[in-house]
């Protein structure tokens, strides 16, 4: 069937669902591909106090791709049995997650790795991604260094029209220029700024000789 639809440069903020998928309920089949690119998920909630939530931001029941997305402060409510997957809850099929940021998403288990991405069944292929909690033990997303995942709490600018842009500088040196550039075919980020910027090789006029990509929905802009 191929890609059902692609969501590019969107923001899902403060949405709620009674049980599953506070912002997105992606339903399909193993060959039905939903794609989310340069997209922000903030403060979404699944569960309502009477029901345990699954997938505070996204309930993924399909073969979906998440490329350069940022998930922050999403919640899967716990009504006793335990909410699961504050960021993403995956069921049956494969979620492919590349160049993303997960920070402080919560469920019934707190804000551990499973609260960022919970695999109920199926698989999650996670690479070049920053998680505020990331297990280094067998099966954890930070177990295999070849996956290029990092356990780091991203530092955002916290101001202006795009408060979830990354701060430049050493505080985010594990996220800046360290995504997989070839995974993203877009030319601009969520703020409509240049998507692929080699921050190590700017000249005085912010010109560059090569392209690199940051993790998350935004690229750190040149400090002109």
C-alpha atoms as a PDB file:
ATOM      1  CA  UNK A   1       0.000   0.000   0.000  1.00  0.00           C
ATOM      2  CA  UNK A   2       2.883   2.370   0.710  1.00  0.00           C
ATOM      3  CA  UNK A   3       2.676   5.719   2.462  1.00  0.00           C
ATOM      4  CA  UNK A   4      -0.873   6.596   3.495  1.00  0.00           C
ATOM      5  CA  UNK A   5      -0.007  10.170   4.289  1.00  0.00           C
ATOM      6  CA  UNK A   6       2.879  12.366   5.343  1.00  0.00           C
ATOM      7  CA  UNK A   7       2.693  15.025   8.053  1.00  0.00           C
ATOM      8  CA  UNK A   8       5.436  17.624   7.703  1.00  0.00           C
ATOM      9  CA  UNK A   9       6.247  20.628   9.921  1.00  0.00           C
ATOM     10  CA  UNK A  10       3.198  20.423  12.168  1.00  0.00           C
ATOM     11  CA  UNK A  11       2.628  20.985  15.881  1.00  0.00           C
ATOM     12  CA  UNK A  12       0.365  18.829  18.054  1.00  0.00           C
ATOM     13  CA  UNK A  13      -0.052  20.575  21.392  1.00  0.00           C
ATOM     14  CA  UNK A  14      -2.393  20.001  24.322  1.00  0.00           C
ATOM     15  CA  UNK A  15      -4.612  17.376  22.697  1.00  0.00           C
ATOM     16  CA  UNK A  16      -6.409  14.698  24.720  1.00  0.00           C
ATOM     17  CA  UNK A  17      -7.952  11.271  24.156  1.00  0.00           C
ATOM     18  CA  UNK A  18      -9.983   9.188  26.585  1.00  0.00           C
ATOM     19  CA  UNK A  19      -7.805   6.097  26.130  1.00  0.00           C
ATOM     20  CA  UNK A  20      -5.330   5.900  23.253  1.00  0.00           C
ATOM     21  CA  UNK A  21      -3.333   8.393  21.235  1.00  0.00           C
ATOM     22  CA  UNK A  22      -3.590  11.828  22.811  1.00  0.00           C
ATOM     23  CA  UNK A  23      -2.679  13.509  19.519  1.00  0.00           C
ATOM     24  CA  UNK A  24      -2.475  10.712  16.914  1.00  0.00           C
ATOM     25  CA  UNK A  25      -4.047   7.255  16.588  1.00  0.00           C
ATOM     26  CA  UNK A  26      -2.231   5.762  13.605  1.00  0.00           C
ATOM     27  CA  UNK A  27      -4.097   2.664  12.455  1.00  0.00           C
ATOM     28  CA  UNK A  28      -3.159   0.608   9.453  1.00  0.00           C
ATOM     29  CA  UNK A  29      -1.279  -2.520   8.429  1.00  0.00           C
ATOM     30  CA  UNK A  30       2.303  -3.688   8.093  1.00  0.00           C
ATOM     31  CA  UNK A  31       2.481  -2.089   4.636  1.00  0.00           C
ATOM     32  CA  UNK A  32       0.544   1.078   5.559  1.00  0.00           C
ATOM     33  CA  UNK A  33       3.065   3.769   6.242  1.00  0.00           C
ATOM     34  CA  UNK A  34       2.315   6.975   8.122  1.00  0.00           C
ATOM     35  CA  UNK A  35       5.193   9.454   8.033  1.00  0.00           C
ATOM     36  CA  UNK A  36       5.794  12.337  10.441  1.00  0.00           C
ATOM     37  CA  UNK A  37       8.637  14.749   9.629  1.00  0.00           C
ATOM     38  CA  UNK A  38       9.913  17.883  11.427  1.00  0.00           C
ATOM     39  CA  UNK A  39       6.912  17.668  13.751  1.00  0.00           C
ATOM     40  CA  UNK A  40       6.420  18.654  17.389  1.00  0.00           C
ATOM     41  CA  UNK A  41       4.330  16.827  19.999  1.00  0.00           C
ATOM     42  CA  UNK A  42       3.984  18.707  23.307  1.00  0.00           C
ATOM     43  CA  UNK A  43       1.689  18.302  26.290  1.00  0.00           C
ATOM     44  CA  UNK A  44      -0.681  15.741  24.818  1.00  0.00           C
ATOM     45  CA  UNK A  45      -2.522  13.305  27.105  1.00  0.00           C
ATOM     46  CA  UNK A  46      -4.070   9.847  26.668  1.00  0.00           C
ATOM     47  CA  UNK A  47      -6.368   8.621  29.460  1.00  0.00           C
ATOM     48  CA  UNK A  48      -8.864  10.616  31.451  1.00  0.00           C
ATOM     49  CA  UNK A  49      -8.775   9.461  35.067  1.00  0.00           C
ATOM     50  CA  UNK A  50     -11.269   6.701  34.363  1.00  0.00           C
ATOM     51  CA  UNK A  51      -9.127   4.928  31.774  1.00  0.00           C
ATOM     52  CA  UNK A  52      -5.437   4.096  31.609  1.00  0.00           C
ATOM     53  CA  UNK A  53      -3.840   5.861  28.678  1.00  0.00           C
ATOM     54  CA  UNK A  54      -1.641   4.407  25.983  1.00  0.00           C
ATOM     55  CA  UNK A  55       0.394   6.690  23.774  1.00  0.00           C
ATOM     56  CA  UNK A  56       0.259  10.136  25.344  1.00  0.00           C
ATOM     57  CA  UNK A  57       1.246  11.643  21.997  1.00  0.00           C
ATOM     58  CA  UNK A  58       0.949   8.749  19.531  1.00  0.00           C
ATOM     59  CA  UNK A  59      -0.718   5.340  19.571  1.00  0.00           C
ATOM     60  CA  UNK A  60       0.954   3.584  16.663  1.00  0.00           C
ATOM     61  CA  UNK A  61      -0.837   0.558  15.214  1.00  0.00           C
ATOM     62  CA  UNK A  62       0.830   0.712  11.836  1.00  0.00           C
ATOM     63  CA  UNK A  63       4.191   0.773  10.084  1.00  0.00           C
ATOM     64  CA  UNK A  64       5.045   4.414  10.738  1.00  0.00           C
ATOM     65  CA  UNK A  65       8.124   6.597  10.320  1.00  0.00           C
ATOM     66  CA  UNK A  66       9.022   9.438  12.677  1.00  0.00           C
ATOM     67  CA  UNK A  67      11.831  11.599  11.276  1.00  0.00           C
ATOM     68  CA  UNK A  68      13.174  14.639  13.156  1.00  0.00           C
ATOM     69  CA  UNK A  69      10.241  14.814  15.552  1.00  0.00           C
ATOM     70  CA  UNK A  70      10.300  16.236  19.076  1.00  0.00           C
ATOM     71  CA  UNK A  71       8.219  14.735  21.906  1.00  0.00           C
ATOM     72  CA  UNK A  72       8.077  16.715  25.165  1.00  0.00           C
ATOM     73  CA  UNK A  73       5.897  16.482  28.292  1.00  0.00           C
ATOM     74  CA  UNK A  74       3.340  14.087  26.870  1.00  0.00           C
ATOM     75  CA  UNK A  75       1.435  11.881  29.327  1.00  0.00           C
ATOM     76  CA  UNK A  76      -0.222   8.473  29.368  1.00  0.00           C
ATOM     77  CA  UNK A  77      -2.516   8.707  32.412  1.00  0.00           C
ATOM     78  CA  UNK A  78      -2.402   5.998  35.086  1.00  0.00           C
ATOM     79  CA  UNK A  79      -5.788   4.969  36.456  1.00  0.00           C
ATOM     80  CA  UNK A  80      -4.427   2.077  38.478  1.00  0.00           C
ATOM     81  CA  UNK A  81      -3.439  -0.576  35.951  1.00  0.00           C
ATOM     82  CA  UNK A  82      -0.738   1.686  34.534  1.00  0.00           C
ATOM     83  CA  UNK A  83      -0.644   4.083  31.610  1.00  0.00           C
ATOM     84  CA  UNK A  84       1.952   3.167  28.991  1.00  0.00           C
ATOM     85  CA  UNK A  85       4.051   5.164  26.569  1.00  0.00           C
ATOM     86  CA  UNK A  86       3.928   8.854  27.312  1.00  0.00           C
ATOM     87  CA  UNK A  87       5.571   9.599  23.969  1.00  0.00           C
ATOM     88  CA  UNK A  88       4.735   6.677  21.678  1.00  0.00           C
ATOM     89  CA  UNK A  89       2.918   3.397  22.315  1.00  0.00           C
ATOM     90  CA  UNK A  90       3.614   0.829  19.578  1.00  0.00           C
ATOM     91  CA  UNK A  91       1.405  -2.152  18.767  1.00  0.00           C
ATOM     92  CA  UNK A  92       1.980  -5.088  16.348  1.00  0.00           C
ATOM     93  CA  UNK A  93       3.971  -3.374  13.612  1.00  0.00           C
ATOM     94  CA  UNK A  94       7.234  -1.439  13.308  1.00  0.00           C
ATOM     95  CA  UNK A  95       7.740   2.175  14.312  1.00  0.00           C
ATOM     96  CA  UNK A  96      10.886   3.558  12.699  1.00  0.00           C
ATOM     97  CA  UNK A  97      12.205   6.506  14.704  1.00  0.00           C
ATOM     98  CA  UNK A  98      15.150   8.533  13.384  1.00  0.00           C
ATOM     99  CA  UNK A  99      16.710  11.864  14.429  1.00  0.00           C
ATOM    100  CA  UNK A 100      14.084  12.450  17.126  1.00  0.00           C
ATOM    101  CA  UNK A 101      14.090  13.961  20.624  1.00  0.00           C
ATOM    102  CA  UNK A 102      12.124  12.538  23.569  1.00  0.00           C
ATOM    103  CA  UNK A 103      12.120  14.519  26.800  1.00  0.00           C
ATOM    104  CA  UNK A 104      10.144  14.116  30.021  1.00  0.00           C
ATOM    105  CA  UNK A 105       7.285  12.087  28.624  1.00  0.00           C
ATOM    106  CA  UNK A 106       5.526  10.189  31.412  1.00  0.00           C
ATOM    107  CA  UNK A 107       3.281   7.219  32.071  1.00  0.00           C
ATOM    108  CA  UNK A 108       2.418   4.955  34.999  1.00  0.00           C
ATOM    109  CA  UNK A 109       6.081   3.969  35.333  1.00  0.00           C
ATOM    110  CA  UNK A 110       7.319   7.546  35.659  1.00  0.00           C
ATOM    111  CA  UNK A 111       9.623   8.997  33.028  1.00  0.00           C
ATOM    112  CA  UNK A 112      11.889   6.033  32.217  1.00  0.00           C
ATOM    113  CA  UNK A 113      12.772   4.772  28.734  1.00  0.00           C
ATOM    114  CA  UNK A 114       9.482   2.889  28.372  1.00  0.00           C
ATOM    115  CA  UNK A 115       7.664   6.131  29.153  1.00  0.00           C
ATOM    116  CA  UNK A 116       9.305   7.736  26.136  1.00  0.00           C
ATOM    117  CA  UNK A 117       8.661   4.832  23.740  1.00  0.00           C
ATOM    118  CA  UNK A 118       6.682   1.789  24.895  1.00  0.00           C
ATOM    119  CA  UNK A 119       6.666  -1.322  22.729  1.00  0.00           C
ATOM    120  CA  UNK A 120       3.529  -3.253  23.620  1.00  0.00           C
ATOM    121  CA  UNK A 121       4.155  -5.588  20.681  1.00  0.00           C
ATOM    122  CA  UNK A 122       5.856  -5.324  17.337  1.00  0.00           C
ATOM    123  CA  UNK A 123       9.137  -3.452  17.224  1.00  0.00           C
ATOM    124  CA  UNK A 124      10.588   0.020  17.408  1.00  0.00           C
ATOM    125  CA  UNK A 125      13.669   0.708  15.321  1.00  0.00           C
ATOM    126  CA  UNK A 126      15.232   3.728  17.000  1.00  0.00           C
ATOM    127  CA  UNK A 127      18.400   5.382  15.670  1.00  0.00           C
ATOM    128  CA  UNK A 128      20.123   8.781  15.908  1.00  0.00           C
ATOM    129  CA  UNK A 129      17.718   9.759  18.674  1.00  0.00           C
ATOM    130  CA  UNK A 130      18.076  11.554  22.019  1.00  0.00           C
ATOM    131  CA  UNK A 131      16.044  10.283  24.971  1.00  0.00           C
ATOM    132  CA  UNK A 132      15.964  11.787  28.459  1.00  0.00           C
ATOM    133  CA  UNK A 133      15.948   8.174  29.714  1.00  0.00           C
ATOM    134  CA  UNK A 134      17.685   5.514  27.626  1.00  0.00           C
ATOM    135  CA  UNK A 135      18.624   2.026  28.830  1.00  0.00           C
ATOM    136  CA  UNK A 136      22.123   0.718  28.146  1.00  0.00           C
ATOM    137  CA  UNK A 137      21.214  -2.863  29.082  1.00  0.00           C
ATOM    138  CA  UNK A 138      20.346  -5.561  26.538  1.00  0.00           C
ATOM    139  CA  UNK A 139      17.227  -4.538  24.652  1.00  0.00           C
ATOM    140  CA  UNK A 140      17.543  -0.884  25.597  1.00  0.00           C
ATOM    141  CA  UNK A 141      17.657   1.801  22.952  1.00  0.00           C
ATOM    142  CA  UNK A 142      21.163   2.813  24.095  1.00  0.00           C
ATOM    143  CA  UNK A 143      22.506  -0.752  24.261  1.00  0.00           C
ATOM    144  CA  UNK A 144      24.073  -0.815  20.787  1.00  0.00           C
ATOM    145  CA  UNK A 145      26.336   2.154  20.112  1.00  0.00           C
ATOM    146  CA  UNK A 146      25.897   1.581  16.374  1.00  0.00           C
ATOM    147  CA  UNK A 147      22.315   2.847  16.737  1.00  0.00           C
ATOM    148  CA  UNK A 148      23.750   6.290  17.601  1.00  0.00           C
ATOM    149  CA  UNK A 149      21.147   6.951  20.308  1.00  0.00           C
ATOM    150  CA  UNK A 150      22.084   9.076  23.321  1.00  0.00           C
ATOM    151  CA  UNK A 151      20.717   9.520  26.803  1.00  0.00           C
ATOM    152  CA  UNK A 152      20.537  13.276  27.138  1.00  0.00           C
ATOM    153  CA  UNK A 153      17.969  15.825  28.236  1.00  0.00           C
ATOM    154  CA  UNK A 154      17.750  18.292  25.353  1.00  0.00           C
ATOM    155  CA  UNK A 155      18.101  21.969  26.257  1.00  0.00           C
ATOM    156  CA  UNK A 156      15.609  24.229  24.494  1.00  0.00           C
ATOM    157  CA  UNK A 157      15.572  27.989  24.023  1.00  0.00           C
ATOM    158  CA  UNK A 158      12.279  28.201  26.018  1.00  0.00           C
ATOM    159  CA  UNK A 159      11.272  31.516  24.489  1.00  0.00           C
ATOM    160  CA  UNK A 160       9.832  33.123  21.368  1.00  0.00           C
ATOM    161  CA  UNK A 161       7.529  31.582  18.787  1.00  0.00           C
ATOM    162  CA  UNK A 162       9.481  28.311  18.786  1.00  0.00           C
ATOM    163  CA  UNK A 163      10.472  27.548  22.402  1.00  0.00           C
ATOM    164  CA  UNK A 164      11.399  23.953  21.552  1.00  0.00           C
ATOM    165  CA  UNK A 165      14.268  24.905  19.283  1.00  0.00           C
ATOM    166  CA  UNK A 166      17.580  23.583  20.542  1.00  0.00           C
ATOM    167  CA  UNK A 167      19.982  25.982  22.190  1.00  0.00           C
ATOM    168  CA  UNK A 168      23.266  26.261  20.355  1.00  0.00           C
ATOM    169  CA  UNK A 169      26.540  25.410  22.026  1.00  0.00           C
ATOM    170  CA  UNK A 170      27.965  22.736  24.278  1.00  0.00           C
ATOM    171  CA  UNK A 171      24.722  21.988  26.138  1.00  0.00           C
ATOM    172  CA  UNK A 172      23.446  20.149  23.066  1.00  0.00           C
ATOM    173  CA  UNK A 173      26.690  18.960  21.513  1.00  0.00           C
ATOM    174  CA  UNK A 174      25.395  15.363  21.365  1.00  0.00           C
ATOM    175  CA  UNK A 175      22.408  16.445  19.260  1.00  0.00           C
ATOM    176  CA  UNK A 176      23.741  19.157  16.937  1.00  0.00           C
ATOM    177  CA  UNK A 177      24.998  17.924  13.546  1.00  0.00           C
ATOM    178  CA  UNK A 178      24.716  14.312  14.754  1.00  0.00           C
ATOM    179  CA  UNK A 179      21.504  13.157  13.095  1.00  0.00           C
ATOM    180  CA  UNK A 180      21.382  10.992   9.982  1.00  0.00           C
ATOM    181  CA  UNK A 181      21.271  13.596   7.221  1.00  0.00           C
ATOM    182  CA  UNK A 182      20.134  11.198   4.513  1.00  0.00           C
ATOM    183  CA  UNK A 183      16.987  10.255   6.470  1.00  0.00           C
ATOM    184  CA  UNK A 184      15.361  13.658   5.911  1.00  0.00           C
ATOM    185  CA  UNK A 185      14.616  14.960   2.433  1.00  0.00           C
ATOM    186  CA  UNK A 186      13.156  18.324   3.492  1.00  0.00           C
ATOM    187  CA  UNK A 187      14.933  21.642   2.993  1.00  0.00           C
ATOM    188  CA  UNK A 188      13.425  23.612   5.909  1.00  0.00           C
ATOM    189  CA  UNK A 189      12.565  22.769   9.517  1.00  0.00           C
ATOM    190  CA  UNK A 190       9.451  23.456  11.599  1.00  0.00           C
ATOM    191  CA  UNK A 191      10.381  27.160  11.832  1.00  0.00           C
ATOM    192  CA  UNK A 192      10.965  27.317   8.047  1.00  0.00           C
ATOM    193  CA  UNK A 193      14.689  27.763   8.638  1.00  0.00           C
ATOM    194  CA  UNK A 194      17.310  25.813   6.686  1.00  0.00           C
ATOM    195  CA  UNK A 195      16.988  22.165   7.678  1.00  0.00           C
ATOM    196  CA  UNK A 196      20.547  20.967   7.068  1.00  0.00           C
ATOM    197  CA  UNK A 197      23.254  23.192   8.486  1.00  0.00           C
ATOM    198  CA  UNK A 198      26.864  22.211   9.201  1.00  0.00           C
ATOM    199  CA  UNK A 199      27.390  24.115  12.441  1.00  0.00           C
ATOM    200  CA  UNK A 200      31.054  23.177  12.631  1.00  0.00           C
ATOM    201  CA  UNK A 201      31.929  24.866   9.358  1.00  0.00           C
ATOM    202  CA  UNK A 202      30.168  28.219   9.285  1.00  0.00           C
ATOM    203  CA  UNK A 203      32.111  31.134   7.944  1.00  0.00           C
ATOM    204  CA  UNK A 204      31.542  34.729   9.076  1.00  0.00           C
ATOM    205  CA  UNK A 205      28.535  35.027   6.747  1.00  0.00           C
ATOM    206  CA  UNK A 206      26.977  31.751   7.953  1.00  0.00           C
ATOM    207  CA  UNK A 207      27.790  30.085   4.651  1.00  0.00           C
ATOM    208  CA  UNK A 208      28.778  26.431   4.720  1.00  0.00           C
ATOM    209  CA  UNK A 209      30.455  23.872   2.521  1.00  0.00           C
ATOM    210  CA  UNK A 210      28.541  20.775   3.633  1.00  0.00           C
ATOM    211  CA  UNK A 211      25.208  19.698   5.104  1.00  0.00           C
ATOM    212  CA  UNK A 212      24.596  18.083   8.495  1.00  0.00           C
ATOM    213  CA  UNK A 213      21.348  17.665  10.399  1.00  0.00           C
ATOM    214  CA  UNK A 214      20.412  18.135  14.051  1.00  0.00           C
ATOM    215  CA  UNK A 215      18.099  15.883  16.033  1.00  0.00           C
ATOM    216  CA  UNK A 216      14.559  17.096  16.606  1.00  0.00           C
ATOM    217  CA  UNK A 217      12.051  19.216  14.703  1.00  0.00           C
ATOM    218  CA  UNK A 218      14.294  22.279  14.525  1.00  0.00           C
ATOM    219  CA  UNK A 219      17.747  23.100  13.261  1.00  0.00           C
ATOM    220  CA  UNK A 220      19.980  25.337  15.364  1.00  0.00           C
ATOM    221  CA  UNK A 221      20.197  28.573  13.420  1.00  0.00           C
ATOM    222  CA  UNK A 222      23.353  30.468  12.630  1.00  0.00           C
ATOM    223  CA  UNK A 223      23.973  33.225  15.266  1.00  0.00           C
ATOM    224  CA  UNK A 224      24.145  36.081  12.763  1.00  0.00           C
END
